[in-house]
Structures are given as C-alpha cells and as structure tokens.
Amino acid sequence: MLPRLRRFAYGLTGSVDSGDDLVQSACERALTRLHQWEPGTRLDSWMFRIMKNLWLDDTRAGWRREVVTSTAILEVPIGTVMSRLARARLTLGQALEPSEPGSGERP
C-alpha cells in the first residue's frame, strides 16, 4: 500500500520530500488510532482519508503561520490587519457594484 500512499501524497503536496513526510505522519496516526478502524472496511480508503485530513490541517496551519509572520513584517497587530482587509473588501465591493440608472454616476 505504501507506493500508492506515496503517489497520493506527492499529488497533494507537489513535493517528494513533503509527500514522504505526509506518508510518515499518516502511518503514525493510523498506528496510534488503529482502534478506530473498523474491520471489514477498506484499510486503503481509511489511510487515504487520514492523509487528506493531515494535508488539509497542515495547509490551513501554514496559512495561519503566514498571516502571523506577515504581521511581524508589518509590525501591526493582527486585528488591525484584519480590520483593514475587511474595510478594503467593502470598498472594493462598492466600487464594483453597477450604479443605478439615472444616478449620473459611472462605475
């Protein structure tokens, strides 16, 4: 099953090294939670699901790390960054809305 898991991991991560790390993490998690696997169900499907969930968790955590790192770079609290982003989205949304007929304004 390992060659199939490795191919799947490479497809998710796009990297041989990251894929190998993902396979190792998935195998470790499966072994520590073997009691959760139901005999009679497909072991490979269970392993692929574990791997996908680990990859999603890592991807989300990476995004959070990037946000936190960016606020060291900006030297601004995360709340300020999020507030400014929300304000920018609102302004952009208003600028992109089509104007009402007869209002005399153009987009």
Foldseek 3Di string as FASTA:
>chain_A
DVVVQLVLLCVLPVDNVRSVVLLVVLVVVCVVVVVPDDPPDDPVVVSSVSSVVVSVVVVVVVVVVVLVVVCVVVVHDSVVVVVVVVVVVVVVVVVPDADDPPPPDGD
